[in-house]
Amino acid sequence: MTSYRTPMPRLTIGLAAIALSAVTFGLTVMLPTSLYSQLNDAMLAAKRAAPIEVSIVPAQITVTGECDKNMAYEPARRSIPVVDRSS
């Protein structure tokens, strides 16, 4: 019986898969990291310059609403099981 031989060896396909994985990792992880590292240095320098004060207006938030009686926290109604004793 003759065995089937693929036109491209498995080693070549495996190496191509590893190479494409490395390129994908480089484009999705390493490239954005290197691009944003320059921005992070500028942001750190801006943070050291002066603190920013924040105030919440209004200082108090009042929430009003009605309590619905059909909420999930009510206990479930228990029904009496019907047992057929005729047989």
PDB file of N, CA and C in Angstrom:
ATOM      1  N   MET A   1       0.845  -1.164   0.000  1.00  0.00           N
ATOM      2  CA  MET A   1       0.000   0.000   0.000  1.00  0.00           C
ATOM      3  C   MET A   1       0.895   1.234   0.000  1.00  0.00           C
ATOM      4  N   THR A   2       0.552   2.176  -0.817  1.00  0.00           N
ATOM      5  CA  THR A   2       1.342   3.401  -0.867  1.00  0.00           C
ATOM      6  C   THR A   2       0.766   4.412   0.108  1.00  0.00           C
ATOM      7  N   SER A   3       1.635   5.147   0.744  1.00  0.00           N
ATOM      8  CA  SER A   3       1.182   6.162   1.699  1.00  0.00           C
ATOM      9  C   SER A   3       1.090   7.512   1.000  1.00  0.00           C
ATOM     10  N   TYR A   4       0.171   8.313   1.457  1.00  0.00           N
ATOM     11  CA  TYR A   4      -0.035   9.632   0.874  1.00  0.00           C
ATOM     12  C   TYR A   4       1.013  10.581   1.427  1.00  0.00           C
ATOM     13  N   ARG A   5       1.642  11.322   0.556  1.00  0.00           N
ATOM     14  CA  ARG A   5       2.636  12.315   0.974  1.00  0.00           C
ATOM     15  C   ARG A   5       2.115  13.695   0.603  1.00  0.00           C
ATOM     16  N   THR A   6       2.119  14.573   1.590  1.00  0.00           N
ATOM     17  CA  THR A   6       1.622  15.927   1.339  1.00  0.00           C
ATOM     18  C   THR A   6       2.608  16.676   0.460  1.00  0.00           C
ATOM     19  N   PRO A   7       2.127  17.623  -0.346  1.00  0.00           N
ATOM     20  CA  PRO A   7       3.030  18.376  -1.207  1.00  0.00           C
ATOM     21  C   PRO A   7       4.002  19.244  -0.396  1.00  0.00           C
ATOM     22  N   MET A   8       3.555  19.778   0.721  1.00  0.00           N
ATOM     23  CA  MET A   8       4.449  20.576   1.568  1.00  0.00           C
ATOM     24  C   MET A   8       4.729  19.780   2.826  1.00  0.00           C
ATOM     25  N   PRO A   9       5.959  19.696   3.222  1.00  0.00           N
ATOM     26  CA  PRO A   9       6.267  18.934   4.438  1.00  0.00           C
ATOM     27  C   PRO A   9       5.658  19.591   5.671  1.00  0.00           C
ATOM     28  N   ARG A  10       5.388  18.792   6.686  1.00  0.00           N
ATOM     29  CA  ARG A  10       4.793  19.290   7.922  1.00  0.00           C
ATOM     30  C   ARG A  10       5.720  20.262   8.644  1.00  0.00           C
ATOM     31  N   LEU A  11       7.004  20.081   8.513  1.00  0.00           N
ATOM     32  CA  LEU A  11       7.952  20.968   9.163  1.00  0.00           C
ATOM     33  C   LEU A  11       7.822  22.393   8.623  1.00  0.00           C
ATOM     34  N   THR A  12       7.641  22.514   7.317  1.00  0.00           N
ATOM     35  CA  THR A  12       7.500  23.838   6.711  1.00  0.00           C
ATOM     36  C   THR A  12       6.213  24.525   7.200  1.00  0.00           C
ATOM     37  N   ILE A  13       5.146  23.776   7.281  1.00  0.00           N
ATOM     38  CA  ILE A  13       3.886  24.338   7.765  1.00  0.00           C
ATOM     39  C   ILE A  13       4.012  24.734   9.233  1.00  0.00           C
ATOM     40  N   GLY A  14       4.682  23.931  10.032  1.00  0.00           N
ATOM     41  CA  GLY A  14       4.889  24.246  11.440  1.00  0.00           C
ATOM     42  C   GLY A  14       5.712  25.508  11.625  1.00  0.00           C
ATOM     43  N   LEU A  15       6.772  25.644  10.833  1.00  0.00           N
ATOM     44  CA  LEU A  15       7.605  26.844  10.934  1.00  0.00           C
ATOM     45  C   LEU A  15       6.846  28.090  10.477  1.00  0.00           C
ATOM     46  N   ALA A  16       6.012  27.935   9.458  1.00  0.00           N
ATOM     47  CA  ALA A  16       5.203  29.065   9.009  1.00  0.00           C
ATOM     48  C   ALA A  16       4.199  29.469  10.094  1.00  0.00           C
ATOM     49  N   ALA A  17       3.633  28.510  10.795  1.00  0.00           N
ATOM     50  CA  ALA A  17       2.689  28.815  11.880  1.00  0.00           C
ATOM     51  C   ALA A  17       3.390  29.544  13.019  1.00  0.00           C
ATOM     52  N   ILE A  18       4.586  29.135  13.359  1.00  0.00           N
ATOM     53  CA  ILE A  18       5.355  29.808  14.416  1.00  0.00           C
ATOM     54  C   ILE A  18       5.712  31.225  13.992  1.00  0.00           C
ATOM     55  N   ALA A  19       6.108  31.388  12.741  1.00  0.00           N
ATOM     56  CA  ALA A  19       6.463  32.722  12.250  1.00  0.00           C
ATOM     57  C   ALA A  19       5.254  33.650  12.248  1.00  0.00           C
ATOM     58  N   LEU A  20       4.099  33.162  11.811  1.00  0.00           N
ATOM     59  CA  LEU A  20       2.900  33.988  11.810  1.00  0.00           C
ATOM     60  C   LEU A  20       2.442  34.319  13.227  1.00  0.00           C
ATOM     61  N   SER A  21       2.618  33.395  14.156  1.00  0.00           N
ATOM     62  CA  SER A  21       2.283  33.679  15.553  1.00  0.00           C
ATOM     63  C   SER A  21       3.174  34.775  16.105  1.00  0.00           C
ATOM     64  N   ALA A  22       4.456  34.727  15.788  1.00  0.00           N
ATOM     65  CA  ALA A  22       5.380  35.754  16.257  1.00  0.00           C
ATOM     66  C   ALA A  22       5.037  37.123  15.656  1.00  0.00           C
ATOM     67  N   VAL A  23       4.675  37.153  14.388  1.00  0.00           N
ATOM     68  CA  VAL A  23       4.303  38.419  13.751  1.00  0.00           C
ATOM     69  C   VAL A  23       3.022  38.971  14.374  1.00  0.00           C
ATOM     70  N   THR A  24       2.046  38.102  14.612  1.00  0.00           N
ATOM     71  CA  THR A  24       0.798  38.536  15.234  1.00  0.00           C
ATOM     72  C   THR A  24       1.043  39.082  16.635  1.00  0.00           C
ATOM     73  N   PHE A  25       1.852  38.399  17.419  1.00  0.00           N
ATOM     74  CA  PHE A  25       2.185  38.869  18.760  1.00  0.00           C
ATOM     75  C   PHE A  25       2.902  40.213  18.698  1.00  0.00           C
ATOM     76  N   GLY A  26       3.819  40.348  17.778  1.00  0.00           N
ATOM     77  CA  GLY A  26       4.555  41.605  17.653  1.00  0.00           C
ATOM     78  C   GLY A  26       3.664  42.771  17.275  1.00  0.00           C
ATOM     79  N   LEU A  27       2.705  42.525  16.373  1.00  0.00           N
ATOM     80  CA  LEU A  27       1.824  43.610  15.936  1.00  0.00           C
ATOM     81  C   LEU A  27       0.772  43.976  16.974  1.00  0.00           C
ATOM     82  N   THR A  28       0.303  42.997  17.737  1.00  0.00           N
ATOM     83  CA  THR A  28      -0.776  43.276  18.672  1.00  0.00           C
ATOM     84  C   THR A  28      -0.313  43.641  20.068  1.00  0.00           C
ATOM     85  N   VAL A  29       0.895  43.244  20.457  1.00  0.00           N
ATOM     86  CA  VAL A  29       1.364  43.512  21.817  1.00  0.00           C
ATOM     87  C   VAL A  29       2.573  44.438  21.833  1.00  0.00           C
ATOM     88  N   MET A  30       3.581  44.100  21.096  1.00  0.00           N
ATOM     89  CA  MET A  30       4.848  44.828  21.190  1.00  0.00           C
ATOM     90  C   MET A  30       4.770  46.208  20.528  1.00  0.00           C
ATOM     91  N   LEU A  31       4.145  46.317  19.382  1.00  0.00           N
ATOM     92  CA  LEU A  31       4.078  47.601  18.685  1.00  0.00           C
ATOM     93  C   LEU A  31       3.282  48.649  19.468  1.00  0.00           C
ATOM     94  N   PRO A  32       2.067  48.342  19.961  1.00  0.00           N
ATOM     95  CA  PRO A  32       1.361  49.353  20.765  1.00  0.00           C
ATOM     96  C   PRO A  32       2.111  49.715  22.044  1.00  0.00           C
ATOM     97  N   THR A  33       2.792  48.757  22.637  1.00  0.00           N
ATOM     98  CA  THR A  33       3.553  49.048  23.854  1.00  0.00           C
ATOM     99  C   THR A  33       4.658  50.039  23.567  1.00  0.00           C
ATOM    100  N   SER A  34       5.356  49.862  22.485  1.00  0.00           N
ATOM    101  CA  SER A  34       6.446  50.784  22.163  1.00  0.00           C
ATOM    102  C   SER A  34       5.915  52.155  21.745  1.00  0.00           C
ATOM    103  N   LEU A  35       4.727  52.195  21.122  1.00  0.00           N
ATOM    104  CA  LEU A  35       4.159  53.482  20.723  1.00  0.00           C
ATOM    105  C   LEU A  35       3.673  54.278  21.930  1.00  0.00           C
ATOM    106  N   TYR A  36       3.060  53.607  22.905  1.00  0.00           N
ATOM    107  CA  TYR A  36       2.504  54.306  24.057  1.00  0.00           C
ATOM    108  C   TYR A  36       3.523  54.560  25.151  1.00  0.00           C
ATOM    109  N   SER A  37       4.700  53.993  25.067  1.00  0.00           N
ATOM    110  CA  SER A  37       5.698  54.227  26.111  1.00  0.00           C
ATOM    111  C   SER A  37       6.145  55.686  26.116  1.00  0.00           C
ATOM    112  N   GLN A  38       6.198  56.320  24.966  1.00  0.00           N
ATOM    113  CA  GLN A  38       6.566  57.730  24.907  1.00  0.00           C
ATOM    114  C   GLN A  38       5.469  58.590  25.525  1.00  0.00           C
ATOM    115  N   LEU A  39       4.201  58.225  25.322  1.00  0.00           N
ATOM    116  CA  LEU A  39       3.104  58.973  25.917  1.00  0.00           C
ATOM    117  C   LEU A  39       3.080  58.801  27.426  1.00  0.00           C
ATOM    118  N   ASN A  40       3.423  57.622  27.912  1.00  0.00           N
ATOM    119  CA  ASN A  40       3.422  57.384  29.352  1.00  0.00           C
ATOM    120  C   ASN A  40       4.454  58.254  30.049  1.00  0.00           C
ATOM    121  N   ASP A  41       5.617  58.469  29.434  1.00  0.00           N
ATOM    122  CA  ASP A  41       6.620  59.336  30.031  1.00  0.00           C
ATOM    123  C   ASP A  41       6.099  60.762  30.149  1.00  0.00           C
ATOM    124  N   ALA A  42       5.400  61.242  29.139  1.00  0.00           N
ATOM    125  CA  ALA A  42       4.841  62.588  29.182  1.00  0.00           C
ATOM    126  C   ALA A  42       3.731  62.682  30.229  1.00  0.00           C
ATOM    127  N   MET A  43       2.942  61.644  30.364  1.00  0.00           N
ATOM    128  CA  MET A  43       1.876  61.656  31.354  1.00  0.00           C
ATOM    129  C   MET A  43       2.442  61.638  32.767  1.00  0.00           C
ATOM    130  N   LEU A  44       3.509  60.892  32.996  1.00  0.00           N
ATOM    131  CA  LEU A  44       4.135  60.874  34.319  1.00  0.00           C
ATOM    132  C   LEU A  44       4.719  62.229  34.670  1.00  0.00           C
ATOM    133  N   ALA A  45       5.292  62.890  33.704  1.00  0.00           N
ATOM    134  CA  ALA A  45       5.839  64.222  33.955  1.00  0.00           C
ATOM    135  C   ALA A  45       4.714  65.205  34.274  1.00  0.00           C
ATOM    136  N   ALA A  46       3.573  65.076  33.617  1.00  0.00           N
ATOM    137  CA  ALA A  46       2.445  65.961  33.890  1.00  0.00           C
ATOM    138  C   ALA A  46       1.859  65.696  35.273  1.00  0.00           C
ATOM    139  N   LYS A  47       1.865  64.442  35.719  1.00  0.00           N
ATOM    140  CA  LYS A  47       1.358  64.117  37.043  1.00  0.00           C
ATOM    141  C   LYS A  47       2.227  64.717  38.134  1.00  0.00           C
ATOM    142  N   ARG A  48       3.508  64.757  37.917  1.00  0.00           N
ATOM    143  CA  ARG A  48       4.430  65.300  38.915  1.00  0.00           C
ATOM    144  C   ARG A  48       4.368  66.819  38.990  1.00  0.00           C
ATOM    145  N   ALA A  49       3.852  67.469  37.957  1.00  0.00           N
ATOM    146  CA  ALA A  49       3.854  68.928  37.896  1.00  0.00           C
ATOM    147  C   ALA A  49       2.942  69.531  38.956  1.00  0.00           C
ATOM    148  N   ALA A  50       1.676  69.188  38.956  1.00  0.00           N
ATOM    149  CA  ALA A  50       0.742  69.768  39.927  1.00  0.00           C
ATOM    150  C   ALA A  50      -0.433  68.825  40.116  1.00  0.00           C
ATOM    151  N   PRO A  51      -0.896  68.685  41.358  1.00  0.00           N
ATOM    152  CA  PRO A  51      -2.071  67.845  41.575  1.00  0.00           C
ATOM    153  C   PRO A  51      -3.340  68.544  41.082  1.00  0.00           C
ATOM    154  N   ILE A  52      -4.308  67.761  40.703  1.00  0.00           N
ATOM    155  CA  ILE A  52      -5.569  68.295  40.205  1.00  0.00           C
ATOM    156  C   ILE A  52      -6.637  68.044  41.262  1.00  0.00           C
ATOM    157  N   GLU A  53      -7.353  69.090  41.655  1.00  0.00           N
ATOM    158  CA  GLU A  53      -8.426  68.951  42.626  1.00  0.00           C
ATOM    159  C   GLU A  53      -9.743  68.750  41.886  1.00  0.00           C
ATOM    160  N   VAL A  54     -10.556  67.874  42.434  1.00  0.00           N
ATOM    161  CA  VAL A  54     -11.827  67.537  41.813  1.00  0.00           C
ATOM    162  C   VAL A  54     -12.927  67.741  42.838  1.00  0.00           C
ATOM    163  N   SER A  55     -14.030  68.354  42.434  1.00  0.00           N
ATOM    164  CA  SER A  55     -15.176  68.498  43.325  1.00  0.00           C
ATOM    165  C   SER A  55     -16.407  67.934  42.632  1.00  0.00           C
ATOM    166  N   ILE A  56     -17.282  67.332  43.438  1.00  0.00           N
ATOM    167  CA  ILE A  56     -18.506  66.740  42.903  1.00  0.00           C
ATOM    168  C   ILE A  56     -19.631  67.726  43.164  1.00  0.00           C
ATOM    169  N   VAL A  57     -20.328  68.102  42.104  1.00  0.00           N
ATOM    170  CA  VAL A  57     -21.445  69.029  42.242  1.00  0.00           C
ATOM    171  C   VAL A  57     -22.677  68.335  41.716  1.00  0.00           C
ATOM    172  N   PRO A  58     -23.717  68.112  42.428  1.00  0.00           N
ATOM    173  CA  PRO A  58     -23.956  68.428  43.825  1.00  0.00           C
ATOM    174  C   PRO A  58     -23.237  67.448  44.733  1.00  0.00           C
ATOM    175  N   ALA A  59     -22.999  67.875  45.950  1.00  0.00           N
ATOM    176  CA  ALA A  59     -22.245  67.046  46.877  1.00  0.00           C
ATOM    177  C   ALA A  59     -23.072  65.880  47.401  1.00  0.00           C
ATOM    178  N   GLN A  60     -24.391  65.931  47.247  1.00  0.00           N
ATOM    179  CA  GLN A  60     -25.253  64.864  47.733  1.00  0.00           C
ATOM    180  C   GLN A  60     -26.170  64.429  46.598  1.00  0.00           C
ATOM    181  N   ILE A  61     -26.328  63.134  46.442  1.00  0.00           N
ATOM    182  CA  ILE A  61     -27.213  62.598  45.417  1.00  0.00           C
ATOM    183  C   ILE A  61     -28.347  61.862  46.125  1.00  0.00           C
ATOM    184  N   THR A  62     -29.583  62.256  45.855  1.00  0.00           N
ATOM    185  CA  THR A  62     -30.740  61.639  46.483  1.00  0.00           C
ATOM    186  C   THR A  62     -31.444  60.773  45.450  1.00  0.00           C
ATOM    187  N   VAL A  63     -31.681  59.523  45.819  1.00  0.00           N
ATOM    188  CA  VAL A  63     -32.340  58.578  44.924  1.00  0.00           C
ATOM    189  C   VAL A  63     -33.693  58.234  45.527  1.00  0.00           C
ATOM    190  N   THR A  64     -34.757  58.421  44.770  1.00  0.00           N
ATOM    191  CA  THR A  64     -36.093  58.077  45.240  1.00  0.00           C
ATOM    192  C   THR A  64     -36.704  57.084  44.277  1.00  0.00           C
ATOM    193  N   GLY A  65     -37.566  56.227  44.822  1.00  0.00           N
ATOM    194  CA  GLY A  65     -38.218  55.239  43.976  1.00  0.00           C
ATOM    195  C   GLY A  65     -39.200  54.428  44.777  1.00  0.00           C
ATOM    196  N   GLU A  66     -40.009  53.647  44.096  1.00  0.00           N
ATOM    197  CA  GLU A  66     -40.983  52.796  44.750  1.00  0.00           C
ATOM    198  C   GLU A  66     -40.458  51.375  44.819  1.00  0.00           C
ATOM    199  N   CYS A  67     -40.822  50.688  45.878  1.00  0.00           N
ATOM    200  CA  CYS A  67     -40.443  49.289  46.031  1.00  0.00           C
ATOM    201  C   CYS A  67     -41.516  48.434  45.373  1.00  0.00           C
ATOM    202  N   ASP A  68     -41.129  47.639  44.427  1.00  0.00           N
ATOM    203  CA  ASP A  68     -42.060  46.765  43.728  1.00  0.00           C
ATOM    204  C   ASP A  68     -42.242  45.499  44.547  1.00  0.00           C
ATOM    205  N   LYS A  69     -43.487  45.099  44.745  1.00  0.00           N
ATOM    206  CA  LYS A  69     -43.770  43.928  45.581  1.00  0.00           C
ATOM    207  C   LYS A  69     -43.411  42.609  44.896  1.00  0.00           C
ATOM    208  N   ASN A  70     -43.194  42.606  43.618  1.00  0.00           N
ATOM    209  CA  ASN A  70     -42.899  41.372  42.895  1.00  0.00           C
ATOM    210  C   ASN A  70     -41.408  41.237  42.620  1.00  0.00           C
ATOM    211  N   MET A  71     -40.602  41.586  43.578  1.00  0.00           N
ATOM    212  CA  MET A  71     -39.158  41.496  43.375  1.00  0.00           C
ATOM    213  C   MET A  71     -38.677  40.073  43.658  1.00  0.00           C
ATOM    214  N   ALA A  72     -37.447  39.802  43.303  1.00  0.00           N
ATOM    215  CA  ALA A  72     -36.893  38.457  43.434  1.00  0.00           C
ATOM    216  C   ALA A  72     -36.565  38.098  44.877  1.00  0.00           C
ATOM    217  N   TYR A  73     -36.551  39.068  45.779  1.00  0.00           N
ATOM    218  CA  TYR A  73     -36.173  38.752  47.154  1.00  0.00           C
ATOM    219  C   TYR A  73     -37.325  38.153  47.951  1.00  0.00           C
ATOM    220  N   GLU A  74     -38.538  38.133  47.408  1.00  0.00           N
ATOM    221  CA  GLU A  74     -39.651  37.521  48.100  1.00  0.00           C
ATOM    222  C   GLU A  74     -39.535  36.004  47.996  1.00  0.00           C
ATOM    223  N   PRO A  75     -39.958  35.293  49.033  1.00  0.00           N
ATOM    224  CA  PRO A  75     -39.892  33.833  48.957  1.00  0.00           C
ATOM    225  C   PRO A  75     -40.862  33.288  47.911  1.00  0.00           C
ATOM    226  N   ALA A  76     -40.488  32.198  47.316  1.00  0.00           N
ATOM    227  CA  ALA A  76     -41.325  31.595  46.288  1.00  0.00           C
ATOM    228  C   ALA A  76     -42.547  30.947  46.926  1.00  0.00           C
ATOM    229  N   ARG A  77     -43.659  30.988  46.228  1.00  0.00           N
ATOM    230  CA  ARG A  77     -44.867  30.343  46.716  1.00  0.00           C
ATOM    231  C   ARG A  77     -44.702  28.842  46.594  1.00  0.00           C
ATOM    232  N   ARG A  78     -45.063  28.168  47.641  1.00  0.00           N
ATOM    233  CA  ARG A  78     -44.954  26.702  47.620  1.00  0.00           C
ATOM    234  C   ARG A  78     -46.303  26.115  47.240  1.00  0.00           C
ATOM    235  N   SER A  79     -46.273  25.211  46.306  1.00  0.00           N
ATOM    236  CA  SER A  79     -47.502  24.553  45.907  1.00  0.00           C
ATOM    237  C   SER A  79     -47.498  23.129  46.464  1.00  0.00           C
ATOM    238  N   ILE A  80     -48.666  22.643  46.755  1.00  0.00           N
ATOM    239  CA  ILE A  80     -48.782  21.272  47.285  1.00  0.00           C
ATOM    240  C   ILE A  80     -48.738  20.333  46.107  1.00  0.00           C
ATOM    241  N   PRO A  81     -47.805  19.361  46.140  1.00  0.00           N
ATOM    242  CA  PRO A  81     -47.719  18.432  45.000  1.00  0.00           C
ATOM    243  C   PRO A  81     -48.946  17.533  44.940  1.00  0.00           C
ATOM    244  N   VAL A  82     -49.410  17.303  43.742  1.00  0.00           N
ATOM    245  CA  VAL A  82     -50.565  16.439  43.528  1.00  0.00           C
ATOM    246  C   VAL A  82     -50.046  15.028  43.246  1.00  0.00           C
ATOM    247  N   VAL A  83     -50.503  14.098  44.081  1.00  0.00           N
ATOM    248  CA  VAL A  83     -50.075  12.718  43.929  1.00  0.00           C
ATOM    249  C   VAL A  83     -51.267  11.902  43.453  1.00  0.00           C
ATOM    250  N   ASP A  84     -51.058  11.184  42.370  1.00  0.00           N
ATOM    251  CA  ASP A  84     -52.125  10.330  41.816  1.00  0.00           C
ATOM    252  C   ASP A  84     -52.035   8.969  42.493  1.00  0.00           C
ATOM    253  N   ARG A  85     -52.987   8.671  43.366  1.00  0.00           N
ATOM    254  CA  ARG A  85     -52.970   7.396  44.099  1.00  0.00           C
ATOM    255  C   ARG A  85     -54.012   6.409  43.568  1.00  0.00           C
ATOM    256  N   SER A  86     -54.505   6.675  42.403  1.00  0.00           N
ATOM    257  CA  SER A  86     -55.532   5.814  41.843  1.00  0.00           C
ATOM    258  C   SER A  86     -54.980   4.474  41.349  1.00  0.00           C
ATOM    259  N   SER A  87     -53.718   4.371  41.060  1.00  0.00           N
ATOM    260  CA  SER A  87     -53.198   3.109  40.530  1.00  0.00           C
ATOM    261  C   SER A  87     -52.619   2.225  41.585  1.00  0.00           C
TER     262      SER A  87
END
